Structure formats: structure tokens, C-alpha cells
PDB file of N, CA and C in Angstrom:
ATOM      1  N   MET A   1     102.740  99.393  96.546  1.00  0.00           N
ATOM      2  CA  MET A   1     103.367  98.758  97.684  1.00  0.00           C
ATOM      3  C   MET A   1     104.155  99.822  98.436  1.00  0.00           C
ATOM      4  N   LEU A   2     103.986  99.852  99.730  1.00  0.00           N
ATOM      5  CA  LEU A   2     104.681 100.806 100.585  1.00  0.00           C
ATOM      6  C   LEU A   2     105.451 100.073 101.680  1.00  0.00           C
ATOM      7  N   GLN A   3     106.358 100.797 102.280  1.00  0.00           N
ATOM      8  CA  GLN A   3     107.207 100.274 103.349  1.00  0.00           C
ATOM      9  C   GLN A   3     106.904 101.030 104.638  1.00  0.00           C
ATOM     10  N   LYS A   4     106.691 100.299 105.728  1.00  0.00           N
ATOM     11  CA  LYS A   4     106.645 100.917 107.048  1.00  0.00           C
ATOM     12  C   LYS A   4     108.080 100.944 107.549  1.00  0.00           C
ATOM     13  N   ARG A   5     108.637 102.135 107.574  1.00  0.00           N
ATOM     14  CA  ARG A   5     110.061 102.328 107.827  1.00  0.00           C
ATOM     15  C   ARG A   5     110.404 102.068 109.297  1.00  0.00           C
ATOM     16  N   SER A   6     111.550 101.470 109.552  1.00  0.00           N
ATOM     17  CA  SER A   6     111.955 101.201 110.923  1.00  0.00           C
ATOM     18  C   SER A   6     112.475 102.445 111.632  1.00  0.00           C
ATOM     19  N   ASP A   7     112.916 103.470 110.877  1.00  0.00           N
ATOM     20  CA  ASP A   7     113.461 104.664 111.523  1.00  0.00           C
ATOM     21  C   ASP A   7     112.391 105.563 112.138  1.00  0.00           C
ATOM     22  N   CYS A   8     111.150 105.490 111.634  1.00  0.00           N
ATOM     23  CA  CYS A   8     110.095 106.357 112.165  1.00  0.00           C
ATOM     24  C   CYS A   8     108.768 105.618 112.362  1.00  0.00           C
ATOM     25  N   ASN A   9     108.725 104.352 111.967  1.00  0.00           N
ATOM     26  CA  ASN A   9     107.530 103.515 112.077  1.00  0.00           C
ATOM     27  C   ASN A   9     106.332 104.113 111.343  1.00  0.00           C
ATOM     28  N   GLU A  10     106.604 104.771 110.207  1.00  0.00           N
ATOM     29  CA  GLU A  10     105.556 105.325 109.369  1.00  0.00           C
ATOM     30  C   GLU A  10     105.770 104.848 107.940  1.00  0.00           C
ATOM     31  N   TRP A  11     104.745 105.025 107.104  1.00  0.00           N
ATOM     32  CA  TRP A  11     104.741 104.504 105.744  1.00  0.00           C
ATOM     33  C   TRP A  11     105.384 105.458 104.752  1.00  0.00           C
ATOM     34  N   GLY A  12     106.034 104.889 103.729  1.00  0.00           N
ATOM     35  CA  GLY A  12     106.614 105.651 102.636  1.00  0.00           C
ATOM     36  C   GLY A  12     107.018 104.706 101.512  1.00  0.00           C
ATOM     37  N   PHE A  13     107.603 105.289 100.492  1.00  0.00           N
ATOM     38  CA  PHE A  13     108.098 104.507  99.367  1.00  0.00           C
ATOM     39  C   PHE A  13     109.481 103.964  99.685  1.00  0.00           C
ATOM     40  N   PHE A  14     109.885 102.904  99.007  1.00  0.00           N
ATOM     41  CA  PHE A  14     111.221 102.349  99.180  1.00  0.00           C
ATOM     42  C   PHE A  14     112.247 103.356  98.674  1.00  0.00           C
ATOM     43  N   GLY A  15     113.425 103.348  99.263  1.00  0.00           N
ATOM     44  CA  GLY A  15     114.441 104.275  98.783  1.00  0.00           C
ATOM     45  C   GLY A  15     115.730 104.155  99.557  1.00  0.00           C
ATOM     46  N   GLY A  16     116.707 104.920  99.118  1.00  0.00           N
ATOM     47  CA  GLY A  16     118.001 104.912  99.774  1.00  0.00           C
ATOM     48  C   GLY A  16     119.016 105.644  98.935  1.00  0.00           C
ATOM     49  N   LEU A  17     120.259 105.416  99.262  1.00  0.00           N
ATOM     50  CA  LEU A  17     121.358 106.098  98.599  1.00  0.00           C
ATOM     51  C   LEU A  17     121.884 105.304  97.412  1.00  0.00           C
ATOM     52  N   VAL A  18     122.400 106.025  96.439  1.00  0.00           N
ATOM     53  CA  VAL A  18     123.048 105.412  95.277  1.00  0.00           C
ATOM     54  C   VAL A  18     124.481 105.084  95.664  1.00  0.00           C
ATOM     55  N   GLU A  19     124.897 103.868  95.392  1.00  0.00           N
ATOM     56  CA  GLU A  19     126.283 103.476  95.677  1.00  0.00           C
ATOM     57  C   GLU A  19     127.190 103.907  94.524  1.00  0.00           C
ATOM     58  N   LEU A  20     128.448 104.122  94.819  1.00  0.00           N
ATOM     59  CA  LEU A  20     129.433 104.550  93.832  1.00  0.00           C
ATOM     60  C   LEU A  20     129.425 103.605  92.631  1.00  0.00           C
ATOM     61  N   GLY A  21     129.283 104.163  91.428  1.00  0.00           N
ATOM     62  CA  GLY A  21     129.292 103.374  90.198  1.00  0.00           C
ATOM     63  C   GLY A  21     127.938 102.799  89.803  1.00  0.00           C
ATOM     64  N   GLU A  22     126.925 103.044  90.597  1.00  0.00           N
ATOM     65  CA  GLU A  22     125.603 102.481  90.367  1.00  0.00           C
ATOM     66  C   GLU A  22     124.721 103.504  89.639  1.00  0.00           C
ATOM     67  N   SER A  23     123.883 103.046  88.719  1.00  0.00           N
ATOM     68  CA  SER A  23     122.913 103.941  88.094  1.00  0.00           C
ATOM     69  C   SER A  23     121.739 104.140  89.051  1.00  0.00           C
ATOM     70  N   LEU A  24     120.920 105.154  88.788  1.00  0.00           N
ATOM     71  CA  LEU A  24     119.730 105.371  89.611  1.00  0.00           C
ATOM     72  C   LEU A  24     118.785 104.172  89.543  1.00  0.00           C
ATOM     73  N   ALA A  25     118.599 103.604  88.364  1.00  0.00           N
ATOM     74  CA  ALA A  25     117.725 102.440  88.213  1.00  0.00           C
ATOM     75  C   ALA A  25     118.290 101.226  88.959  1.00  0.00           C
ATOM     76  N   GLU A  26     119.596 101.022  88.887  1.00  0.00           N
ATOM     77  CA  GLU A  26     120.217  99.910  89.623  1.00  0.00           C
ATOM     78  C   GLU A  26     120.041 100.097  91.127  1.00  0.00           C
ATOM     79  N   ALA A  27     120.180 101.323  91.599  1.00  0.00           N
ATOM     80  CA  ALA A  27     119.984 101.603  93.025  1.00  0.00           C
ATOM     81  C   ALA A  27     118.541 101.309  93.431  1.00  0.00           C
ATOM     82  N   ALA A  28     117.591 101.682  92.590  1.00  0.00           N
ATOM     83  CA  ALA A  28     116.182 101.422  92.892  1.00  0.00           C
ATOM     84  C   ALA A  28     115.915  99.927  93.018  1.00  0.00           C
ATOM     85  N   VAL A  29     116.426  99.150  92.090  1.00  0.00           N
ATOM     86  CA  VAL A  29     116.248  97.690  92.127  1.00  0.00           C
ATOM     87  C   VAL A  29     116.862  97.116  93.398  1.00  0.00           C
ATOM     88  N   ARG A  30     118.084  97.543  93.738  1.00  0.00           N
ATOM     89  CA  ARG A  30     118.768  97.048  94.935  1.00  0.00           C
ATOM     90  C   ARG A  30     118.020  97.430  96.207  1.00  0.00           C
ATOM     91  N   GLU A  31     117.590  98.684  96.286  1.00  0.00           N
ATOM     92  CA  GLU A  31     116.895  99.147  97.492  1.00  0.00           C
ATOM     93  C   GLU A  31     115.570  98.418  97.696  1.00  0.00           C
ATOM     94  N   VAL A  32     114.811  98.197  96.632  1.00  0.00           N
ATOM     95  CA  VAL A  32     113.562  97.456  96.768  1.00  0.00           C
ATOM     96  C   VAL A  32     113.847  96.046  97.270  1.00  0.00           C
ATOM     97  N   LYS A  33     114.877  95.406  96.739  1.00  0.00           N
ATOM     98  CA  LYS A  33     115.245  94.055  97.193  1.00  0.00           C
ATOM     99  C   LYS A  33     115.612  94.065  98.675  1.00  0.00           C
ATOM    100  N   GLU A  34     116.458  95.021  99.086  1.00  0.00           N
ATOM    101  CA  GLU A  34     116.901  95.091 100.481  1.00  0.00           C
ATOM    102  C   GLU A  34     115.738  95.359 101.440  1.00  0.00           C
ATOM    103  N   GLU A  35     114.790  96.183 101.007  1.00  0.00           N
ATOM    104  CA  GLU A  35     113.745  96.638 101.914  1.00  0.00           C
ATOM    105  C   GLU A  35     112.438  95.861 101.813  1.00  0.00           C
ATOM    106  N   SER A  36     112.277  95.054 100.746  1.00  0.00           N
ATOM    107  CA  SER A  36     111.029  94.294 100.592  1.00  0.00           C
ATOM    108  C   SER A  36     111.234  92.797 100.396  1.00  0.00           C
ATOM    109  N   GLY A  37     112.403  92.414  99.880  1.00  0.00           N
ATOM    110  CA  GLY A  37     112.638  91.022  99.529  1.00  0.00           C
ATOM    111  C   GLY A  37     112.289  90.699  98.088  1.00  0.00           C
ATOM    112  N   TYR A  38     111.635  91.622  97.386  1.00  0.00           N
ATOM    113  CA  TYR A  38     111.216  91.388  96.011  1.00  0.00           C
ATOM    114  C   TYR A  38     112.302  91.771  95.009  1.00  0.00           C
ATOM    115  N   ASP A  39     112.383  90.995  93.938  1.00  0.00           N
ATOM    116  CA  ASP A  39     113.189  91.353  92.765  1.00  0.00           C
ATOM    117  C   ASP A  39     112.259  92.114  91.837  1.00  0.00           C
ATOM    118  N   VAL A  40     112.721  93.262  91.333  1.00  0.00           N
ATOM    119  CA  VAL A  40     111.893  94.063  90.436  1.00  0.00           C
ATOM    120  C   VAL A  40     112.668  94.412  89.175  1.00  0.00           C
ATOM    121  N   ALA A  41     111.929  94.716  88.126  1.00  0.00           N
ATOM    122  CA  ALA A  41     112.486  95.240  86.885  1.00  0.00           C
ATOM    123  C   ALA A  41     111.876  96.620  86.670  1.00  0.00           C
ATOM    124  N   VAL A  42     112.727  97.613  86.492  1.00  0.00           N
ATOM    125  CA  VAL A  42     112.259  98.974  86.243  1.00  0.00           C
ATOM    126  C   VAL A  42     111.588  99.011  84.874  1.00  0.00           C
ATOM    127  N   THR A  43     110.393  99.632  84.815  1.00  0.00           N
ATOM    128  CA  THR A  43     109.661  99.720  83.555  1.00  0.00           C
ATOM    129  C   THR A  43     109.624 101.143  82.992  1.00  0.00           C
ATOM    130  N   SER A  44     109.670 102.158  83.867  1.00  0.00           N
ATOM    131  CA  SER A  44     109.666 103.538  83.379  1.00  0.00           C
ATOM    132  C   SER A  44     109.996 104.501  84.511  1.00  0.00           C
ATOM    133  N   LEU A  45     110.318 105.707  84.127  1.00  0.00           N
ATOM    134  CA  LEU A  45     110.539 106.790  85.084  1.00  0.00           C
ATOM    135  C   LEU A  45     109.186 107.395  85.432  1.00  0.00           C
ATOM    136  N   PHE A  46     108.916 107.574  86.710  1.00  0.00           N
ATOM    137  CA  PHE A  46     107.676 108.209  87.150  1.00  0.00           C
ATOM    138  C   PHE A  46     107.880 109.701  87.392  1.00  0.00           C
ATOM    139  N   GLY A  47     108.967 110.047  88.099  1.00  0.00           N
ATOM    140  CA  GLY A  47     109.175 111.451  88.382  1.00  0.00           C
ATOM    141  C   GLY A  47     110.433 111.714  89.181  1.00  0.00           C
ATOM    142  N   ILE A  48     110.766 112.999  89.272  1.00  0.00           N
ATOM    143  CA  ILE A  48     111.917 113.455  90.054  1.00  0.00           C
ATOM    144  C   ILE A  48     111.404 114.516  91.018  1.00  0.00           C
ATOM    145  N   TYR A  49     111.668 114.314  92.291  1.00  0.00           N
ATOM    146  CA  TYR A  49     111.196 115.179  93.368  1.00  0.00           C
ATOM    147  C   TYR A  49     112.426 115.729  94.092  1.00  0.00           C
ATOM    148  N   SER A  50     112.762 116.991  93.822  1.00  0.00           N
ATOM    149  CA  SER A  50     114.071 117.482  94.254  1.00  0.00           C
ATOM    150  C   SER A  50     114.054 118.707  95.161  1.00  0.00           C
ATOM    151  N   LYS A  51     112.953 119.337  95.386  1.00  0.00           N
ATOM    152  CA  LYS A  51     112.950 120.559  96.185  1.00  0.00           C
ATOM    153  C   LYS A  51     112.383 120.278  97.578  1.00  0.00           C
ATOM    154  N   TYR A  52     113.053 119.401  98.293  1.00  0.00           N
ATOM    155  CA  TYR A  52     112.614 118.961  99.609  1.00  0.00           C
ATOM    156  C   TYR A  52     113.807 118.944 100.549  1.00  0.00           C
ATOM    157  N   PHE A  53     113.526 119.060 101.836  1.00  0.00           N
ATOM    158  CA  PHE A  53     114.592 119.150 102.831  1.00  0.00           C
ATOM    159  C   PHE A  53     114.277 118.230 103.999  1.00  0.00           C
ATOM    160  N   ALA A  54     115.328 117.724 104.638  1.00  0.00           N
ATOM    161  CA  ALA A  54     115.158 116.827 105.775  1.00  0.00           C
ATOM    162  C   ALA A  54     116.199 117.146 106.828  1.00  0.00           C
ATOM    163  N   THR A  55     115.836 116.917 108.082  1.00  0.00           N
ATOM    164  CA  THR A  55     116.781 116.991 109.192  1.00  0.00           C
ATOM    165  C   THR A  55     116.856 115.596 109.785  1.00  0.00           C
ATOM    166  N   TYR A  56     118.051 115.043 109.841  1.00  0.00           N
ATOM    167  CA  TYR A  56     118.254 113.688 110.325  1.00  0.00           C
ATOM    168  C   TYR A  56     118.391 113.665 111.849  1.00  0.00           C
ATOM    169  N   ALA A  57     118.348 112.483 112.426  1.00  0.00           N
ATOM    170  CA  ALA A  57     118.417 112.317 113.885  1.00  0.00           C
ATOM    171  C   ALA A  57     119.659 112.969 114.482  1.00  0.00           C
ATOM    172  N   ASN A  58     120.771 112.970 113.729  1.00  0.00           N
ATOM    173  CA  ASN A  58     122.009 113.588 114.223  1.00  0.00           C
ATOM    174  C   ASN A  58     122.049 115.092 113.968  1.00  0.00           C
ATOM    175  N   GLN A  59     120.911 115.651 113.502  1.00  0.00           N
ATOM    176  CA  GLN A  59     120.720 117.072 113.203  1.00  0.00           C
ATOM    177  C   GLN A  59     121.363 117.536 111.902  1.00  0.00           C
ATOM    178  N   ASP A  60     121.948 116.617 111.118  1.00  0.00           N
ATOM    179  CA  ASP A  60     122.413 116.981 109.779  1.00  0.00           C
ATOM    180  C   ASP A  60     121.198 117.371 108.948  1.00  0.00           C
ATOM    181  N   GLU A  61     121.373 118.372 108.087  1.00  0.00           N
ATOM    182  CA  GLU A  61     120.309 118.800 107.188  1.00  0.00           C
ATOM    183  C   GLU A  61     120.717 118.486 105.764  1.00  0.00           C
ATOM    184  N   ALA A  62     119.735 118.128 104.936  1.00  0.00           N
ATOM    185  CA  ALA A  62     120.028 117.767 103.550  1.00  0.00           C
ATOM    186  C   ALA A  62     118.872 118.162 102.650  1.00  0.00           C
ATOM    187  N   GLN A  63     119.205 118.437 101.401  1.00  0.00           N
ATOM    188  CA  GLN A  63     118.174 118.564 100.378  1.00  0.00           C
ATOM    189  C   GLN A  63     118.045 117.181  99.767  1.00  0.00           C
ATOM    190  N   THR A  64     116.859 116.598  99.875  1.00  0.00           N
ATOM    191  CA  THR A  64     116.669 115.230  99.402  1.00  0.00           C
ATOM    192  C   THR A  64     116.150 115.238  97.973  1.00  0.00           C
ATOM    193  N   VAL A  65     116.672 114.320  97.180  1.00  0.00           N
ATOM    194  CA  VAL A  65     116.255 114.169  95.790  1.00  0.00           C
ATOM    195  C   VAL A  65     115.769 112.732  95.620  1.00  0.00           C
ATOM    196  N   CYS A  66     114.542 112.598  95.147  1.00  0.00           N
ATOM    197  CA  CYS A  66     113.968 111.273  94.933  1.00  0.00           C
ATOM    198  C   CYS A  66     113.677 111.105  93.451  1.00  0.00           C
ATOM    199  N   THR A  67     114.320 110.127  92.839  1.00  0.00           N
ATOM    200  CA  THR A  67     114.016 109.737  91.468  1.00  0.00           C
ATOM    201  C   THR A  67     113.174 108.479  91.567  1.00  0.00           C
ATOM    202  N   LEU A  68     111.931 108.586  91.163  1.00  0.00           N
ATOM    203  CA  LEU A  68     110.996 107.490  91.354  1.00  0.00           C
ATOM    204  C   LEU A  68     110.748 106.762  90.040  1.00  0.00           C
ATOM    205  N   PHE A  69     110.852 105.437  90.094  1.00  0.00           N
ATOM    206  CA  PHE A  69     110.618 104.589  88.936  1.00  0.00           C
ATOM    207  C   PHE A  69     109.382 103.739  89.149  1.00  0.00           C
ATOM    208  N   LYS A  70     108.710 103.399  88.075  1.00  0.00           N
ATOM    209  CA  LYS A  70     107.717 102.331  88.109  1.00  0.00           C
ATOM    210  C   LYS A  70     108.475 101.035  87.861  1.00  0.00           C
ATOM    211  N   ALA A  71     108.002  99.955  88.482  1.00  0.00           N
ATOM    212  CA  ALA A  71     108.672  98.667  88.334  1.00  0.00           C
ATOM    213  C   ALA A  71     107.646  97.555  88.460  1.00  0.00           C
ATOM    214  N   LYS A  72     108.035  96.378  87.978  1.00  0.00           N
ATOM    215  CA  LYS A  72     107.173  95.207  88.157  1.00  0.00           C
ATOM    216  C   LYS A  72     107.944  94.154  88.935  1.00  0.00           C
ATOM    217  N   ILE A  73     107.229  93.414  89.753  1.00  0.00           N
ATOM    218  CA  ILE A  73     107.837  92.345  90.540  1.00  0.00           C
ATOM    219  C   ILE A  73     108.101  91.165  89.612  1.00  0.00           C
ATOM    220  N   ILE A  74     109.345  90.657  89.651  1.00  0.00           N
ATOM    221  CA  ILE A  74     109.711  89.518  88.809  1.00  0.00           C
ATOM    222  C   ILE A  74     110.157  88.300  89.621  1.00  0.00           C
ATOM    223  N   GLY A  75     110.168  88.436  90.947  1.00  0.00           N
ATOM    224  CA  GLY A  75     110.583  87.320  91.783  1.00  0.00           C
ATOM    225  C   GLY A  75     110.821  87.768  93.211  1.00  0.00           C
ATOM    226  N   GLY A  76     111.464  86.884  93.956  1.00  0.00           N
ATOM    227  CA  GLY A  76     111.787  87.188  95.337  1.00  0.00           C
ATOM    228  C   GLY A  76     110.719  86.706  96.295  1.00  0.00           C
ATOM    229  N   THR A  77     111.027  86.870  97.565  1.00  0.00           N
ATOM    230  CA  THR A  77     110.128  86.481  98.650  1.00  0.00           C
ATOM    231  C   THR A  77     109.979  87.673  99.581  1.00  0.00           C
ATOM    232  N   PRO A  78     108.750  88.079  99.878  1.00  0.00           N
ATOM    233  CA  PRO A  78     108.579  89.255 100.735  1.00  0.00           C
ATOM    234  C   PRO A  78     109.142  89.017 102.134  1.00  0.00           C
ATOM    235  N   ILE A  79     109.760  90.062 102.660  1.00  0.00           N
ATOM    236  CA  ILE A  79     110.296  89.971 104.013  1.00  0.00           C
ATOM    237  C   ILE A  79     109.194  90.259 105.018  1.00  0.00           C
ATOM    238  N   VAL A  80     109.377  89.784 106.218  1.00  0.00           N
ATOM    239  CA  VAL A  80     108.463  90.121 107.306  1.00  0.00           C
ATOM    240  C   VAL A  80     108.930  91.435 107.926  1.00  0.00           C
ATOM    241  N   ALA A  81     110.223  91.536 108.214  1.00  0.00           N
ATOM    242  CA  ALA A  81     110.818  92.757 108.764  1.00  0.00           C
ATOM    243  C   ALA A  81     112.332  92.606 108.723  1.00  0.00           C
ATOM    244  N   ASN A  82     113.017  93.742 108.687  1.00  0.00           N
ATOM    245  CA  ASN A  82     114.477  93.757 108.815  1.00  0.00           C
ATOM    246  C   ASN A  82     114.893  95.079 109.439  1.00  0.00           C
ATOM    247  N   ARG A  83     116.162  95.431 109.401  1.00  0.00           N
ATOM    248  CA  ARG A  83     116.621  96.642 110.097  1.00  0.00           C
ATOM    249  C   ARG A  83     116.100  97.932 109.472  1.00  0.00           C
ATOM    250  N   GLU A  84     115.638  97.889 108.225  1.00  0.00           N
ATOM    251  CA  GLU A  84     115.106  99.086 107.562  1.00  0.00           C
ATOM    252  C   GLU A  84     113.581  99.081 107.445  1.00  0.00           C
ATOM    253  N   THR A  85     112.985  97.910 107.525  1.00  0.00           N
ATOM    254  CA  THR A  85     111.559  97.754 107.245  1.00  0.00           C
ATOM    255  C   THR A  85     110.858  97.055 108.399  1.00  0.00           C
ATOM    256  N   ASN A  86     109.788  97.679 108.895  1.00  0.00           N
ATOM    257  CA  ASN A  86     108.952  97.023 109.899  1.00  0.00           C
ATOM    258  C   ASN A  86     107.856  96.194 109.255  1.00  0.00           C
ATOM    259  N   GLU A  87     107.455  96.619 108.045  1.00  0.00           N
ATOM    260  CA  GLU A  87     106.332  95.947 107.371  1.00  0.00           C
ATOM    261  C   GLU A  87     106.279  96.459 105.933  1.00  0.00           C
ATOM    262  N   ILE A  88     105.753  95.643 105.024  1.00  0.00           N
ATOM    263  CA  ILE A  88     105.428  96.121 103.676  1.00  0.00           C
ATOM    264  C   ILE A  88     103.954  95.852 103.449  1.00  0.00           C
ATOM    265  N   GLY A  89     103.341  96.686 102.616  1.00  0.00           N
ATOM    266  CA  GLY A  89     101.917  96.483 102.394  1.00  0.00           C
ATOM    267  C   GLY A  89     101.423  97.137 101.124  1.00  0.00           C
ATOM    268  N   TYR A  90     100.324  96.595 100.639  1.00  0.00           N
ATOM    269  CA  TYR A  90      99.610  97.162  99.491  1.00  0.00           C
ATOM    270  C   TYR A  90      98.388  97.900 100.032  1.00  0.00           C
ATOM    271  N   PHE A  91      98.081  99.038  99.418  1.00  0.00           N
ATOM    272  CA  PHE A  91      96.953  99.847  99.862  1.00  0.00           C
ATOM    273  C   PHE A  91      96.140 100.295  98.660  1.00  0.00           C
ATOM    274  N   ASP A  92      94.856 100.392  98.860  1.00  0.00           N
ATOM    275  CA  ASP A  92      93.981 100.956  97.849  1.00  0.00           C
ATOM    276  C   ASP A  92      94.281 102.446  97.761  1.00  0.00           C
ATOM    277  N   LEU A  93      94.405 102.970  96.552  1.00  0.00           N
ATOM    278  CA  LEU A  93      94.729 104.390  96.389  1.00  0.00           C
ATOM    279  C   LEU A  93      93.643 105.298  96.956  1.00  0.00           C
ATOM    280  N   SER A  94      92.443 104.770  97.163  1.00  0.00           N
ATOM    281  CA  SER A  94      91.381 105.580  97.754  1.00  0.00           C
ATOM    282  C   SER A  94      91.459 105.628  99.278  1.00  0.00           C
ATOM    283  N   ASP A  95      92.333 104.805  99.869  1.00  0.00           N
ATOM    284  CA  ASP A  95      92.454 104.763 101.330  1.00  0.00           C
ATOM    285  C   ASP A  95      93.906 104.486 101.747  1.00  0.00           C
ATOM    286  N   PRO A  96      94.834 105.392 101.389  1.00  0.00           N
ATOM    287  CA  PRO A  96      96.237 105.160 101.733  1.00  0.00           C
ATOM    288  C   PRO A  96      96.517 105.463 103.206  1.00  0.00           C
ATOM    289  N   PRO A  97      97.607 104.922 103.744  1.00  0.00           N
ATOM    290  CA  PRO A  97      97.975 105.233 105.123  1.00  0.00           C
ATOM    291  C   PRO A  97      98.604 106.625 105.212  1.00  0.00           C
ATOM    292  N   LYS A  98      98.831 107.089 106.435  1.00  0.00           N
ATOM    293  CA  LYS A  98      99.550 108.344 106.654  1.00  0.00           C
ATOM    294  C   LYS A  98     100.993 108.138 106.185  1.00  0.00           C
ATOM    295  N   ILE A  99     101.498 109.084 105.409  1.00  0.00           N
ATOM    296  CA  ILE A  99     102.851 109.000 104.839  1.00  0.00           C
ATOM    297  C   ILE A  99     103.808 109.847 105.680  1.00  0.00           C
ATOM    298  N   PHE A 100     105.057 109.394 105.821  1.00  0.00           N
ATOM    299  CA  PHE A 100     105.977 109.985 106.786  1.00  0.00           C
ATOM    300  C   PHE A 100     106.535 111.358 106.445  1.00  0.00           C
ATOM    301  N   CYS A 101     106.519 111.774 105.174  1.00  0.00           N
ATOM    302  CA  CYS A 101     107.102 113.081 104.851  1.00  0.00           C
ATOM    303  C   CYS A 101     106.399 113.700 103.645  1.00  0.00           C
ATOM    304  N   ARG A 102     106.552 115.005 103.498  1.00  0.00           N
ATOM    305  CA  ARG A 102     105.900 115.752 102.413  1.00  0.00           C
ATOM    306  C   ARG A 102     106.322 115.234 101.039  1.00  0.00           C
ATOM    307  N   GLN A 103     107.608 114.927 100.853  1.00  0.00           N
ATOM    308  CA  GLN A 103     108.102 114.452  99.565  1.00  0.00           C
ATOM    309  C   GLN A 103     107.365 113.188  99.136  1.00  0.00           C
ATOM    310  N   HIS A 104     107.259 112.216 100.013  1.00  0.00           N
ATOM    311  CA  HIS A 104     106.585 110.967  99.685  1.00  0.00           C
ATOM    312  C   HIS A 104     105.075 111.176  99.550  1.00  0.00           C
ATOM    313  N   GLN A 105     104.505 112.105 100.321  1.00  0.00           N
ATOM    314  CA  GLN A 105     103.083 112.411 100.174  1.00  0.00           C
ATOM    315  C   GLN A 105     102.808 113.012  98.806  1.00  0.00           C
ATOM    316  N   ASP A 106     103.691 113.901  98.331  1.00  0.00           N
ATOM    317  CA  ASP A 106     103.522 114.483  96.996  1.00  0.00           C
ATOM    318  C   ASP A 106     103.601 113.401  95.914  1.00  0.00           C
ATOM    319  N   ILE A 107     104.504 112.447  96.094  1.00  0.00           N
ATOM    320  CA  ILE A 107     104.600 111.327  95.145  1.00  0.00           C
ATOM    321  C   ILE A 107     103.275 110.564  95.120  1.00  0.00           C
ATOM    322  N   LEU A 108     102.772 110.236  96.300  1.00  0.00           N
ATOM    323  CA  LEU A 108     101.507 109.500  96.383  1.00  0.00           C
ATOM    324  C   LEU A 108     100.366 110.308  95.762  1.00  0.00           C
ATOM    325  N   ASP A 109     100.311 111.604  96.044  1.00  0.00           N
ATOM    326  CA  ASP A 109      99.257 112.446  95.473  1.00  0.00           C
ATOM    327  C   ASP A 109      99.325 112.445  93.945  1.00  0.00           C
ATOM    328  N   ASP A 110     100.542 112.514  93.389  1.00  0.00           N
ATOM    329  CA  ASP A 110     100.692 112.479  91.932  1.00  0.00           C
ATOM    330  C   ASP A 110     100.268 111.131  91.367  1.00  0.00           C
ATOM    331  N   LEU A 111     100.604 110.054  92.061  1.00  0.00           N
ATOM    332  CA  LEU A 111     100.200 108.716  91.641  1.00  0.00           C
ATOM    333  C   LEU A 111      98.670 108.598  91.640  1.00  0.00           C
ATOM    334  N   ILE A 112      98.043 109.059  92.693  1.00  0.00           N
ATOM    335  CA  ILE A 112      96.581 108.997  92.806  1.00  0.00           C
ATOM    336  C   ILE A 112      95.916 109.815  91.697  1.00  0.00           C
ATOM    337  N   SER A 113      96.493 110.977  91.366  1.00  0.00           N
ATOM    338  CA  SER A 113      95.874 111.844  90.355  1.00  0.00           C
ATOM    339  C   SER A 113      96.200 111.417  88.923  1.00  0.00           C
ATOM    340  N   GLY A 114      97.039 110.380  88.768  1.00  0.00           N
ATOM    341  CA  GLY A 114      97.343 109.858  87.445  1.00  0.00           C
ATOM    342  C   GLY A 114      98.456 110.578  86.713  1.00  0.00           C
ATOM    343  N   LYS A 115      99.184 111.430  87.408  1.00  0.00           N
ATOM    344  CA  LYS A 115     100.293 112.133  86.765  1.00  0.00           C
ATOM    345  C   LYS A 115     101.455 111.176  86.533  1.00  0.00           C
ATOM    346  N   GLU A 116     102.250 111.474  85.533  1.00  0.00           N
ATOM    347  CA  GLU A 116     103.497 110.752  85.262  1.00  0.00           C
ATOM    348  C   GLU A 116     104.519 111.735  84.761  1.00  0.00           C
ATOM    349  N   PHE A 117     105.776 111.345  84.783  1.00  0.00           N
ATOM    350  CA  PHE A 117     106.886 112.174  84.319  1.00  0.00           C
ATOM    351  C   PHE A 117     106.880 113.530  85.024  1.00  0.00           C
ATOM    352  N   VAL A 118     106.719 113.445  86.344  1.00  0.00           N
ATOM    353  CA  VAL A 118     106.623 114.625  87.202  1.00  0.00           C
ATOM    354  C   VAL A 118     108.017 115.124  87.531  1.00  0.00           C
ATOM    355  N   TYR A 119     108.156 116.420  87.630  1.00  0.00           N
ATOM    356  CA  TYR A 119     109.393 116.996  88.163  1.00  0.00           C
ATOM    357  C   TYR A 119     109.015 118.167  89.055  1.00  0.00           C
ATOM    358  N   ARG A 120     109.525 118.130  90.279  1.00  0.00           N
ATOM    359  CA  ARG A 120     109.268 119.172  91.272  1.00  0.00           C
ATOM    360  C   ARG A 120     110.570 119.607  91.884  1.00  0.00           C
TER     361      ARG A 120
END
């Protein structure tokens, strides 16, 4: 499942910032709920993607770190759209959409190739 992001109108994985006092897994569950409407339970760690850089609209630069978990849907109702999400969708791994950034493309490539417990 991927998210068509409202900030760039392109596809990527769900994500966001960790709130103070929150674990990475708790942040993942919260972000998926906020951006998809689904309740999920984390099942395992997929990988850590840490050697990537981004320039934001305000020209701030950051090194982005993505800790990616596998999860299963346990409830919720899918959203149509909100301030962070234009659309959510499922795609066949043999025909994925264009992904918005190199970090998320590397995640997708690792998923397609069957890798797990990745660190970059």
C-alpha cells in the first residue's frame, strides 16, 4: 500500500516524524492511521534507510532517516483524502508507480527483490 502525498502529488510510503516520548513503532502506527485511516499492528522491522538527504520547500536541508516496519491491517476505514494524502493505493510489485524520492525508491526496490533487515 502506498500513499499519493499531498505535498508533491507523487507516490511513496507512509511516514512522518516521531513525537516526543513515542517509540519508532508507535510513530509508524500513528502515521499510517493519520495518512491512510487504517489501524495497523507492526509485525517486524524491514529496514533502516539513513544515508539520504532532502531539501524542503523552505530550503531547509536535512539528512532523512527512515525506519521501515512491516505491518498488518487490523481495522480502520480507508480515507479518500486529507491534508497529507491525496490517495492511497495497492500496486502489483511488477508494475509500481513512479516514487517521489530515491530513499523510498530504494525501499521499494528492496521489497521487490525480497530483501529484509536492510540497512543503508
